[in-house]
Protein backbone atom coordinates (compact mmCIF):
# COMPACT_ATOMS: atom_id res chain seq x y z
CA UNK A 1 -4.33 -43.23 -6.55
CA UNK A 2 -7.20 -43.63 -4.21
CA UNK A 3 -10.21 -40.99 -5.04
CA UNK A 4 -12.63 -43.06 -3.40
CA UNK A 5 -14.76 -41.76 -0.45
CA UNK A 6 -14.60 -43.84 2.77
CA UNK A 7 -18.11 -43.54 4.38
CA UNK A 8 -18.40 -44.96 7.89
CA UNK A 9 -21.61 -45.84 9.52
CA UNK A 10 -22.52 -46.49 13.18
CA UNK A 11 -21.59 -49.76 14.08
CA UNK A 12 -25.00 -49.93 15.77
CA UNK A 13 -28.13 -48.10 15.51
CA UNK A 14 -28.04 -46.93 19.17
CA UNK A 15 -24.03 -45.73 18.67
CA UNK A 16 -24.30 -42.00 18.56
CA UNK A 17 -22.31 -39.50 16.83
CA UNK A 18 -21.01 -38.25 20.37
CA UNK A 19 -19.68 -42.30 21.15
CA UNK A 20 -17.95 -42.21 17.70
CA UNK A 21 -16.02 -39.16 18.86
CA UNK A 22 -15.13 -40.87 22.17
CA UNK A 23 -14.16 -44.04 20.09
CA UNK A 24 -11.75 -42.41 17.74
CA UNK A 25 -10.63 -39.05 19.67
CA UNK A 26 -11.92 -36.61 16.81
CA UNK A 27 -15.34 -36.07 14.95
CA UNK A 28 -15.01 -37.96 11.79
CA UNK A 29 -16.64 -37.56 8.07
CA UNK A 30 -20.50 -38.71 8.75
CA UNK A 31 -21.60 -38.35 5.13
CA UNK A 32 -24.60 -40.94 5.25
CA UNK A 33 -26.91 -38.46 7.57
CA UNK A 34 -29.35 -37.11 4.88
CA UNK A 35 -29.95 -34.17 6.93
CA UNK A 36 -27.66 -32.03 9.08
CA UNK A 37 -27.87 -32.45 12.49
CA UNK A 38 -25.85 -31.00 15.33
CA UNK A 39 -23.61 -33.66 16.69
CA UNK A 40 -24.57 -34.77 20.47
CA UNK A 41 -22.81 -32.60 22.91
CA UNK A 42 -22.15 -29.92 20.59
CA UNK A 43 -24.51 -26.65 19.68
CA UNK A 44 -24.82 -24.77 16.14
CA UNK A 45 -23.44 -21.26 16.17
CA UNK A 46 -22.85 -20.95 12.43
CA UNK A 47 -23.82 -22.54 9.36
CA UNK A 48 -23.26 -21.47 5.62
CA UNK A 49 -22.55 -22.36 2.09
CA UNK A 50 -19.43 -23.41 0.45
CA UNK A 51 -20.24 -25.15 -3.23
CA UNK A 52 -23.96 -25.13 -2.74
CA UNK A 53 -26.15 -27.54 -2.73
CA UNK A 54 -23.31 -30.02 -2.47
CA UNK A 55 -21.48 -28.86 0.43
CA UNK A 56 -21.65 -26.26 3.68
CA UNK A 57 -19.80 -25.71 6.97
CA UNK A 58 -21.17 -25.74 10.25
CA UNK A 59 -19.38 -23.88 13.14
CA UNK A 60 -20.16 -25.73 16.64
CA UNK A 61 -19.28 -25.40 20.11
CA UNK A 62 -18.85 -28.09 22.24
CA UNK A 63 -20.92 -27.28 25.23
CA UNK A 64 -18.83 -28.77 28.01
CA UNK A 65 -15.26 -27.03 27.14
CA UNK A 66 -16.56 -24.16 24.67
CA UNK A 67 -14.11 -25.42 21.73
CA UNK A 68 -15.09 -24.41 18.49
CA UNK A 69 -15.14 -27.40 15.72
CA UNK A 70 -15.78 -26.81 11.84
CA UNK A 71 -17.95 -29.43 10.16
CA UNK A 72 -17.90 -29.95 6.86
CA UNK A 73 -21.50 -31.10 5.69
CA UNK A 74 -21.72 -32.71 2.49
CA UNK A 75 -24.44 -34.29 0.29
CA UNK A 76 -23.95 -37.97 0.24
CA UNK A 77 -23.69 -40.52 -2.47
CA UNK A 78 -26.56 -43.23 -2.07
CA UNK A 79 -25.16 -46.78 -2.97
CA UNK A 80 -26.18 -46.68 -6.59
CA UNK A 81 -24.54 -43.31 -6.80
CA UNK A 82 -21.33 -44.30 -5.41
CA UNK A 83 -21.23 -47.43 -7.75
CA UNK A 84 -21.94 -45.12 -10.61
CA UNK A 85 -19.07 -42.94 -9.42
CA UNK A 86 -16.47 -45.51 -9.49
CA UNK A 87 -17.59 -46.64 -12.85
CA UNK A 88 -17.58 -43.21 -14.39
CA UNK A 89 -14.24 -42.52 -12.89
CA UNK A 90 -12.85 -45.58 -14.48
CA UNK A 91 -13.74 -44.44 -18.01
CA UNK A 92 -12.42 -40.98 -17.07
CA UNK A 93 -9.11 -42.68 -16.37
CA UNK A 94 -8.58 -43.50 -19.83
CA UNK A 95 -10.69 -41.06 -21.89
CA UNK A 96 -10.27 -37.67 -19.77
CA UNK A 97 -7.51 -35.71 -21.87
CA UNK A 98 -4.99 -32.97 -21.03
CA UNK A 99 -6.25 -29.60 -21.09
CA UNK A 100 -5.93 -27.42 -24.15
CA UNK A 101 -3.63 -24.39 -24.62
CA UNK A 102 -4.66 -21.83 -21.45
CA UNK A 103 -7.42 -23.80 -20.04
CA UNK A 104 -7.50 -24.98 -16.64
CA UNK A 105 -7.99 -28.38 -15.45
CA UNK A 106 -11.42 -27.68 -14.16
CA UNK A 107 -12.64 -25.75 -17.51
CA UNK A 108 -11.14 -28.90 -19.47
CA UNK A 109 -13.03 -31.29 -17.28
CA UNK A 110 -16.14 -29.18 -17.42
CA UNK A 111 -15.35 -29.21 -21.31
CA UNK A 112 -15.18 -33.10 -21.77
CA UNK A 113 -17.57 -34.43 -19.51
CA UNK A 114 -20.60 -33.89 -21.84
CA UNK A 115 -18.68 -35.35 -24.84
CA UNK A 116 -17.94 -38.45 -22.43
CA UNK A 117 -21.35 -39.11 -20.90
CA UNK A 118 -23.07 -39.08 -24.19
CA UNK A 119 -20.83 -41.70 -25.37
CA UNK A 120 -21.43 -43.81 -22.48
CA UNK A 121 -25.17 -42.90 -21.83
CA UNK A 122 -26.41 -45.94 -21.73
CA UNK A 123 -24.00 -47.35 -18.58
CA UNK A 124 -25.99 -44.57 -16.69
CA UNK A 125 -29.19 -44.73 -18.33
CA UNK A 126 -31.04 -45.15 -14.81
CA UNK A 127 -29.25 -42.53 -12.97
CA UNK A 128 -31.17 -38.87 -12.60
CA UNK A 129 -29.76 -35.92 -13.45
CA UNK A 130 -29.94 -34.89 -9.84
CA UNK A 131 -27.66 -38.12 -8.83
CA UNK A 132 -25.32 -37.38 -11.89
CA UNK A 133 -25.01 -33.60 -10.79
CA UNK A 134 -23.74 -35.39 -7.25
CA UNK A 135 -21.43 -37.86 -9.10
CA UNK A 136 -19.97 -34.92 -10.95
CA UNK A 137 -19.39 -32.82 -7.90
CA UNK A 138 -17.22 -35.59 -6.41
CA UNK A 139 -15.44 -36.40 -9.51
CA UNK A 140 -14.36 -32.76 -10.30
CA UNK A 141 -13.62 -32.34 -6.61
CA UNK A 142 -11.08 -35.71 -6.71
CA UNK A 143 -9.57 -35.41 -10.03
CA UNK A 144 -9.20 -31.97 -10.63
CA UNK A 145 -9.94 -30.44 -7.20
CA UNK A 146 -8.46 -30.92 -3.45
CA UNK A 147 -9.73 -34.07 -2.57
CA UNK A 148 -11.80 -34.25 0.56
CA UNK A 149 -10.60 -30.76 1.49
CA UNK A 150 -11.58 -29.04 -1.68
CA UNK A 151 -14.77 -27.70 -0.42
CA UNK A 152 -12.41 -25.78 2.24
CA UNK A 153 -10.73 -23.76 -0.62
CA UNK A 154 -13.80 -22.34 -1.16
CA UNK A 155 -14.64 -20.94 2.12
CA UNK A 156 -13.61 -17.22 2.20
CA UNK A 157 -13.40 -17.06 5.70
CA UNK A 158 -10.21 -19.54 5.49
CA UNK A 159 -6.57 -18.70 5.55
CA UNK A 160 -4.71 -21.65 5.72
CA UNK A 161 -5.37 -25.42 6.08
CA UNK A 162 -2.93 -27.54 7.79
CA UNK A 163 -2.38 -31.28 8.45
CA UNK A 164 -0.01 -32.55 10.85
CA UNK A 165 0.02 -36.21 9.64
CA UNK A 166 -2.26 -39.65 9.50
CA UNK A 167 -5.25 -39.69 11.71
CA UNK A 168 -4.96 -36.08 12.92
CA UNK A 169 -7.71 -33.48 12.12
CA UNK A 170 -7.26 -31.15 9.46
CA UNK A 171 -6.72 -27.76 11.05
CA UNK A 172 -7.76 -24.10 9.75
CA UNK A 173 -7.06 -20.73 10.53
CA UNK A 174 -10.46 -19.34 10.37
CA UNK A 175 -10.95 -15.28 10.00
CA UNK A 176 -13.64 -15.38 12.66
CA UNK A 177 -12.57 -18.30 14.92
CA UNK A 178 -8.65 -18.51 14.24
CA UNK A 179 -7.12 -21.83 14.80
CA UNK A 180 -9.79 -24.34 14.36
CA UNK A 181 -10.30 -28.22 14.31
CA UNK A 182 -12.25 -30.06 11.59
CA UNK A 183 -13.89 -33.15 11.21
CA UNK A 184 -11.65 -34.06 8.35
CA UNK A 185 -8.61 -36.48 8.60
CA UNK A 186 -6.69 -38.88 6.22
CA UNK A 187 -6.98 -42.09 7.37
CA UNK A 188 -4.12 -43.71 5.99
CA UNK A 189 -0.24 -43.06 4.76
CA UNK A 190 -1.05 -44.04 1.48
CA UNK A 191 -4.22 -41.83 0.92
CA UNK A 192 -2.16 -38.98 2.35
CA UNK A 193 1.03 -39.51 0.43
CA UNK A 194 -1.28 -40.08 -2.83
CA UNK A 195 -3.25 -36.57 -2.33
CA UNK A 196 0.36 -34.63 -1.88
CA UNK A 197 1.79 -36.32 -4.86
CA UNK A 198 -1.21 -35.32 -7.01
CA UNK A 199 -1.27 -31.50 -5.63
CA UNK A 200 2.33 -30.96 -6.10
CA UNK A 201 2.52 -32.41 -9.59
CA UNK A 202 -0.58 -30.11 -10.63
CA UNK A 203 2.18 -27.15 -9.74
CA UNK A 204 4.50 -28.77 -11.88
CA UNK A 205 6.65 -30.15 -9.11
CA UNK A 206 8.27 -33.24 -7.67
CA UNK A 207 8.24 -34.74 -4.03
CA UNK A 208 9.42 -37.84 -2.57
CA UNK A 209 11.74 -39.22 0.16
CA UNK A 210 14.93 -38.03 -1.60
CA UNK A 211 13.39 -34.41 -1.69
CA UNK A 212 11.02 -34.66 1.21
CA UNK A 213 10.56 -30.76 2.02
CA UNK A 214 8.57 -28.71 -1.12
CA UNK A 215 7.06 -25.25 -1.16
CA UNK A 216 5.29 -24.50 -4.19
CA UNK A 217 3.03 -22.44 -5.98
CA UNK A 218 -0.64 -24.02 -6.83
CA UNK A 219 -2.16 -23.18 -10.03
CA UNK A 220 -4.66 -20.80 -8.07
CA UNK A 221 -1.95 -19.16 -6.50
CA UNK A 222 -2.10 -21.01 -3.41
CA UNK A 223 1.08 -21.37 -1.09
CA UNK A 224 1.78 -25.24 -0.42
CA UNK A 225 4.47 -26.13 1.84
CA UNK A 226 4.85 -29.96 2.39
CA UNK A 227 7.15 -32.19 4.64
CA UNK A 228 6.89 -35.69 2.89
CA UNK A 229 6.72 -38.96 4.80
CA UNK A 230 8.43 -39.64 7.72
CA UNK A 231 12.01 -38.61 6.87
CA UNK A 232 11.29 -34.97 8.83
CA UNK A 233 7.81 -35.57 10.33
CA UNK A 234 7.62 -38.90 12.32
CA UNK A 235 3.82 -38.60 12.19
CA UNK A 236 3.61 -38.77 8.45
CA UNK A 237 3.38 -36.40 5.42
CA UNK A 238 2.28 -32.92 6.78
CA UNK A 239 0.96 -29.95 4.38
CA UNK A 240 0.00 -26.57 4.92
CA UNK A 241 -1.95 -24.33 2.32
CA UNK A 242 -1.67 -20.90 2.50
CA UNK A 243 -4.98 -19.53 0.33
CA UNK A 244 -4.28 -16.68 -2.38
CA UNK A 245 -7.03 -14.07 -2.16
CA UNK A 246 -8.46 -13.17 -5.48
CA UNK A 247 -9.98 -10.00 -3.83
CA UNK A 248 -6.88 -8.81 -1.77
CA UNK A 249 -7.48 -6.56 1.36
CA UNK A 250 -7.59 -3.22 0.46
CA UNK A 251 -6.75 0.11 2.68
CA UNK A 252 -10.11 0.62 3.03
CA UNK A 253 -10.53 -3.01 4.51
CA UNK A 254 -7.69 -2.32 6.62
CA UNK A 255 -9.55 0.76 8.01
CA UNK A 256 -12.77 -0.75 8.43
CA UNK A 257 -11.22 -3.62 10.40
CA UNK A 258 -9.46 -1.06 12.55
CA UNK A 259 -6.14 -2.14 11.46
CA UNK A 260 -5.40 1.32 10.87
CA UNK A 261 -7.23 4.31 11.10
CA UNK A 262 -7.95 7.23 8.37
CA UNK A 263 -4.96 9.33 9.48
CA UNK A 264 -2.62 6.43 9.02
CA UNK A 265 -3.93 5.71 5.62
CA UNK A 266 -3.75 9.26 4.47
CA UNK A 267 -0.24 9.55 5.76
CA UNK A 268 0.95 5.91 4.05
CA UNK A 269 -0.94 7.37 0.61
CA UNK A 270 1.41 10.47 1.04
CA UNK A 271 4.51 8.23 1.24
CA UNK A 272 3.54 6.30 -1.54
CA UNK A 273 2.91 8.96 -4.05
CA UNK A 274 6.55 10.28 -3.31
CA UNK A 275 8.05 7.11 -3.83
CA UNK A 276 9.04 6.72 -0.12
CA UNK A 277 10.32 3.23 0.78
CA UNK A 278 8.00 1.33 3.44
CA UNK A 279 9.41 -1.94 5.17
CA UNK A 280 6.51 -4.09 6.89
CA UNK A 281 7.99 -6.05 9.94
CA UNK A 282 6.12 -8.67 12.22
CA UNK A 283 6.05 -11.97 13.23
CA UNK A 284 4.84 -14.92 11.12
CA UNK A 285 1.00 -14.69 10.62
CA UNK A 286 1.11 -11.04 11.65
CA UNK A 287 -0.60 -9.70 8.76
CA UNK A 288 2.70 -8.46 6.80
CA UNK A 289 1.50 -9.51 2.97
CA UNK A 290 -2.04 -8.32 3.87
CA UNK A 291 -0.47 -5.17 4.52
CA UNK A 292 2.06 -4.91 1.83
CA UNK A 293 -0.83 -5.68 -0.94
CA UNK A 294 -3.14 -2.67 0.88
CA UNK A 295 -0.16 -0.37 0.71
CA UNK A 296 1.08 -1.05 -2.76
CA UNK A 297 -2.79 -0.40 -3.95
CA UNK A 298 -2.25 3.49 -2.91
CA UNK A 299 0.71 3.56 -5.39
CA UNK A 300 0.02 5.66 -8.44
CA UNK A 301 -2.26 3.79 -11.14
CA UNK A 302 0.06 4.89 -13.53
CA UNK A 303 3.62 4.05 -11.89
CA UNK A 304 5.84 0.99 -13.21
CA UNK A 305 5.94 -1.46 -10.61
CA UNK A 306 8.11 -4.85 -10.31
CA UNK A 307 7.38 -7.54 -7.56
CA UNK A 308 10.14 -10.02 -6.75
CA UNK A 309 8.88 -12.94 -4.50
CA UNK A 310 9.82 -16.35 -4.21
CA UNK A 311 6.04 -17.42 -4.38
CA UNK A 312 3.40 -15.45 -5.84
CA UNK A 313 1.18 -13.74 -2.94
CA UNK A 314 0.94 -9.89 -4.51
CA UNK A 315 -1.88 -8.96 -6.13
CA UNK A 316 -2.05 -5.55 -7.49
CA UNK A 317 -4.75 -3.77 -10.05
CA UNK A 318 -1.90 -1.53 -11.81
CA UNK A 319 -1.69 -2.16 -15.63
CA UNK A 320 2.01 -1.56 -15.50
CA UNK A 321 2.81 -4.22 -12.92
CA UNK A 322 5.32 -6.92 -13.56
CA UNK A 323 5.41 -9.86 -11.33
CA UNK A 324 8.44 -12.13 -10.70
CA UNK A 325 9.00 -15.44 -9.14
CA UNK A 326 12.27 -17.05 -8.13
CA UNK A 327 13.05 -20.43 -9.43
CA UNK A 328 14.45 -23.16 -7.75
CA UNK A 329 17.36 -25.04 -9.44
CA UNK A 330 17.51 -28.55 -11.29
CA UNK A 331 19.22 -31.58 -10.59
CA UNK A 332 21.56 -32.08 -7.32
CA UNK A 333 23.73 -29.18 -7.97
CA UNK A 334 20.80 -26.85 -8.57
CA UNK A 335 21.47 -25.57 -11.92
CA UNK A 336 19.55 -23.12 -13.18
CA UNK A 337 18.23 -21.71 -10.15
CA UNK A 338 17.20 -18.06 -10.04
CA UNK A 339 17.04 -16.46 -6.78
CA UNK A 340 15.73 -13.12 -5.14
CA UNK A 341 19.29 -11.34 -5.71
CA UNK A 342 18.97 -12.00 -9.31
CA UNK A 343 15.24 -11.07 -9.85
CA UNK A 344 15.87 -7.52 -8.07
CA UNK A 345 19.27 -7.08 -9.94
CA UNK A 346 17.15 -7.46 -12.79
CA UNK A 347 14.22 -5.36 -12.15
CA UNK A 348 16.29 -2.37 -11.66
CA UNK A 349 17.26 -2.76 -15.17
CA UNK A 350 13.92 -2.36 -16.25
CA UNK A 351 13.58 1.21 -14.77
CA UNK A 352 10.47 0.89 -12.54
CA UNK A 353 9.08 3.59 -10.50
CA UNK A 354 9.03 1.20 -7.29
CA UNK A 355 10.04 -2.15 -6.34
CA UNK A 356 8.16 -4.55 -4.31
CA UNK A 357 9.69 -7.39 -2.50
CA UNK A 358 7.78 -9.95 -0.76
CA UNK A 359 10.21 -10.76 1.93
CA UNK A 360 14.05 -9.65 2.53
CA UNK A 361 16.13 -12.22 4.52
CA UNK A 362 19.74 -12.43 2.63
CA UNK A 363 22.02 -10.88 0.13
CA UNK A 364 19.06 -9.21 -1.87
CA UNK A 365 18.68 -6.92 0.48
CA UNK A 366 21.77 -4.91 -0.15
CA UNK A 367 20.82 -5.03 -4.05
CA UNK A 368 17.15 -3.40 -2.62
CA UNK A 369 19.07 -0.82 -0.77
CA UNK A 370 21.44 0.16 -4.06
CA UNK A 371 18.09 0.57 -5.87
CA UNK A 372 16.64 2.80 -3.05
CA UNK A 373 19.90 4.81 -3.47
CA UNK A 374 19.23 5.41 -7.05
CA UNK A 375 15.86 6.87 -6.69
CA UNK A 376 13.49 3.73 -6.87
CA UNK A 377 10.67 3.60 -4.56
CA UNK A 378 10.43 0.17 -2.33
CA UNK A 379 8.18 -1.53 -0.41
CA UNK A 380 9.03 -5.12 1.40
CA UNK A 381 8.58 -7.50 4.28
CA UNK A 382 10.89 -8.71 7.11
CA UNK A 383 10.48 -11.06 9.88
CA UNK A 384 11.46 -8.75 12.89
CA UNK A 385 9.87 -8.11 16.64
CA UNK A 386 10.34 -4.61 16.56
CA UNK A 387 12.42 -1.46 14.74
CA UNK A 388 15.62 -2.06 16.44
CA UNK A 389 15.58 -5.97 15.72
CA UNK A 390 15.07 -4.96 12.21
CA UNK A 391 17.82 -2.59 11.81
CA UNK A 392 20.21 -5.13 13.50
CA UNK A 393 18.96 -7.69 11.42
CA UNK A 394 19.64 -5.43 8.02
CA UNK A 395 23.01 -4.51 9.33
CA UNK A 396 24.55 -8.08 10.22
CA UNK A 397 25.23 -11.11 8.06
CA UNK A 398 23.55 -12.36 5.83
CA UNK A 399 22.15 -8.84 4.70
CA UNK A 400 25.16 -6.92 5.72
CA UNK A 401 23.63 -3.36 4.94
CA UNK A 402 25.97 -0.50 5.73
CA UNK A 403 24.46 1.70 8.73
CA UNK A 404 25.27 4.51 6.56
CA UNK A 405 22.49 3.62 3.64
CA UNK A 406 20.12 2.42 6.31
CA UNK A 407 18.04 5.53 6.28
CA UNK A 408 17.06 4.65 2.47
CA UNK A 409 14.62 2.83 4.04
CA UNK A 410 12.16 5.92 4.94
CA UNK A 411 9.63 4.16 7.14
CA UNK A 412 9.10 0.51 9.24
CA UNK A 413 5.68 -0.25 10.09
CA UNK A 414 5.15 -2.63 12.75
CA UNK A 415 2.45 -5.20 12.39
CA UNK A 416 1.20 -7.44 15.20
CA UNK A 417 -1.70 -9.99 15.50
CA UNK A 418 -2.93 -8.61 19.14
CA UNK A 419 -5.22 -10.54 21.80
CA UNK A 420 -6.35 -9.65 25.15
CA UNK A 421 -4.83 -12.14 27.93
CA UNK A 422 -6.97 -14.67 29.09
CA UNK A 423 -6.82 -13.45 32.53
CA UNK A 424 -8.12 -9.89 31.41
CA UNK A 425 -11.02 -10.83 28.99
CA UNK A 426 -13.75 -10.28 31.38
CA UNK A 427 -15.70 -12.84 29.28
CA UNK A 428 -15.13 -10.80 25.95
CA UNK A 429 -12.43 -12.07 23.44
CA UNK A 430 -10.35 -9.75 21.38
CA UNK A 431 -8.33 -10.57 18.71
CA UNK A 432 -7.28 -8.42 15.84
CA UNK A 433 -4.60 -7.39 13.77
CA UNK A 434 -2.99 -3.76 14.53
CA UNK A 435 -0.05 -1.52 13.19
CA UNK A 436 0.99 -1.03 16.34
CA UNK A 437 3.97 1.34 15.31
CA UNK A 438 4.92 3.40 11.98
CA UNK A 439 8.36 4.68 12.54
CA UNK A 440 10.80 6.83 10.35
CA UNK A 441 14.27 6.32 9.97
CA UNK A 442 16.78 9.18 10.45
CA UNK A 443 19.80 6.67 10.80
CA UNK A 444 20.64 3.48 11.84
CA UNK A 445 20.45 4.63 15.89
CA UNK A 446 17.88 7.21 15.45
CA UNK A 447 14.11 6.72 14.57
CA UNK A 448 10.96 8.80 15.13
CA UNK A 449 7.61 7.29 15.97
CA UNK A 450 4.73 9.24 14.00
CA UNK A 451 1.92 6.91 14.97
CA UNK A 452 1.32 4.12 17.73
CA UNK A 453 -1.42 1.87 19.06
CA UNK A 454 -2.40 2.22 22.49
CA UNK A 455 -3.44 -1.25 24.02
CA UNK A 456 -5.46 0.23 27.05
CA UNK A 457 -7.64 2.57 24.86
CA UNK A 458 -7.30 0.44 21.49
CA UNK A 459 -6.86 3.60 19.81
CA UNK A 460 -4.27 5.06 17.73
CA UNK A 461 -1.85 8.02 18.79
CA UNK A 462 -0.43 10.46 16.23
CA UNK A 463 2.92 12.65 16.17
CA UNK A 464 2.92 13.92 12.85
CA UNK A 465 4.44 17.22 14.45
CA UNK A 466 7.58 15.63 14.62
CA UNK A 467 7.82 13.96 11.34
CA UNK A 468 10.92 13.70 9.64
CA UNK A 469 9.27 12.40 6.35
CA UNK A 470 6.66 15.38 6.05
CA UNK A 471 9.34 17.87 6.36
CA UNK A 472 11.65 16.04 3.53
CA UNK A 473 8.38 15.99 1.15
CA UNK A 474 7.87 19.59 2.24
CA UNK A 475 11.46 20.90 1.00
CA UNK A 476 11.58 18.28 -2.16
CA UNK A 477 7.96 19.84 -3.08
CA UNK A 478 9.22 23.39 -2.27
CA UNK A 479 5.87 23.99 -0.22
CA UNK A 480 4.89 24.77 3.10
CA UNK A 481 4.63 21.85 5.40
CA UNK A 482 1.27 23.20 6.32
CA UNK A 483 0.12 22.71 2.80
CA UNK A 484 1.16 18.71 3.29
CA UNK A 485 -1.05 18.96 6.36
CA UNK A 486 -4.14 20.17 4.81
CA UNK A 487 -3.73 17.68 2.29
CA UNK A 488 -3.65 14.99 4.73
CA UNK A 489 -6.88 16.02 5.96
CA UNK A 490 -8.44 16.08 2.75
CA UNK A 491 -7.54 12.54 1.79
CA UNK A 492 -8.82 11.50 5.11
CA UNK A 493 -12.20 12.84 4.14
CA UNK A 494 -11.79 10.94 0.51
CA UNK A 495 -10.81 7.91 2.52
CA UNK A 496 -13.55 7.81 4.64
CA UNK A 497 -16.35 8.65 2.24
CA UNK A 498 -14.99 5.40 0.51
CA UNK A 499 -15.34 3.54 3.52
CA UNK A 500 -18.85 4.88 4.17
CA UNK A 501 -19.85 4.29 0.63
CA UNK A 502 -18.22 0.64 0.74
CA UNK A 503 -15.70 1.54 -2.28
CA UNK A 504 -13.59 -1.39 -1.16
CA UNK A 505 -12.59 -3.86 -3.80
CA UNK A 506 -8.70 -3.23 -5.07
CA UNK A 507 -9.94 -2.25 -8.73
CA UNK A 508 -12.53 0.55 -7.08
CA UNK A 509 -9.85 2.00 -5.03
CA UNK A 510 -7.60 2.09 -8.03
CA UNK A 511 -9.99 3.48 -10.17
CA UNK A 512 -10.68 6.29 -7.66
CA UNK A 513 -7.05 7.14 -7.49
CA UNK A 514 -6.72 7.18 -11.13
CA UNK A 515 -9.53 10.19 -11.18
CA UNK A 516 -7.64 11.68 -8.42
CA UNK A 517 -4.24 11.65 -10.07
CA UNK A 518 -5.61 12.58 -13.24
CA UNK A 519 -7.65 15.78 -12.80
CA UNK A 520 -7.07 16.45 -9.06
CA UNK A 521 -8.54 19.88 -9.12
CA UNK A 522 -12.22 18.55 -10.99
CA UNK A 523 -11.63 15.67 -8.40
CA UNK A 524 -11.38 17.84 -5.35
CA UNK A 525 -14.81 19.81 -6.96
CA UNK A 526 -16.70 16.92 -7.64
CA UNK A 527 -15.88 15.57 -3.93
CA UNK A 528 -17.00 18.60 -2.21
CA UNK A 529 -20.04 19.07 -4.16
CA UNK A 530 -21.32 15.80 -5.05
CA UNK A 531 -19.40 12.99 -3.16
CA UNK A 532 -20.18 10.07 -5.99
CA UNK A 533 -17.99 8.46 -8.32
């Protein structure tokens, strides 16, 4: 495998970085610059650390086209440091041992390095401590990390990292700048193929020309989709890494980001408390999984939850939560395969209060609906454009849900990534994720929209007066519907207090809910008199 850094200098002193762009069509890694300087023809928009003091991200904008570019700025190695890097790397190939027990690759690397360096201290006697730190940064990045894209993994603004083939720039999905090109690219097929094989092996999987399409969960729970070689992609190996958030978005984040308002959040909180089933629909990249995680955080802290996914994307603070992941089969015949269908059947036997399914698309949907019929709550996502399309998908092959049990899915949330058309922008770019509609299902042909987003005013409209589910809850709890409306207003106050006091991470939100459910009267008294937790 090739882990070496390929540093390219201008052919002549007068050759500028802009001329290098024109020569290769893209900005290249230019690590021989000791101090960051904005490329000619670009203006710096933003500069922030990734793994300081070694790597930083610079967002620059082309002065002529106004296109944004993500530039990875790394502290370069000198010639002497590069020589020591390769010398130490050769030593590690013989002496670096596999992780022990539950150790991660990173923990194992950092534990072993002092011992290995002390054994070979004479070989690196001339290297200063600062230089050695730089060398260890590059070694850790290339051996246990993600090579040249490793700093991007540490950027919390980046959701996706994608490569379309050899000599094509890496593209990112940036929370602020959306699809943005980087100055990073793989220069030859062998380099890219070696990188992919190493990363796939980290996940305990195999990729080859015989089995070129792979979808795996990496040790850090990032999702990797690969198309290997030129069998399916003529430009060579391509991949997309969908990053897993250790600190997932909560319902408070959705309110702050104006994805929803406090009325929607309070309504969803009430649904989760009463074990109502909710399905989140939308296109790819609309934010369905983010919404799923946020809504799931509203589940009572003491409820038993089982999540079922093909790859791990759900992250909950609940102690009584079991995560289950589907498994592909072994060999040509796929023996030993564990499907979503198998996992949902198994989940029902564990008597959960609520089952969460990452995405339904096949026969597993029928098992989920059977679980809903026996009183389990349910949360799931589905690829669909609107409520009508989602019901048609559910009732047709391969899901085949009978129309008579469609109402078991009580509520459908339509999530969309909305953008202002270019010709209407008037100089202001608008791009956001919104819950454009929340509908209650009465039957396969009848659903009531209780919340909707108005694009012309960028405001949410509510129609709870006709809420079928509030009436159902009122009857089930044997309380007047006016009492439920009062409770919704109170919960809106609680949620807005959390927004104002930045109580937003999923563990803090869970802590507030836990106090509320353990002693609601005391909680209400403390909230009204002294709103601090």
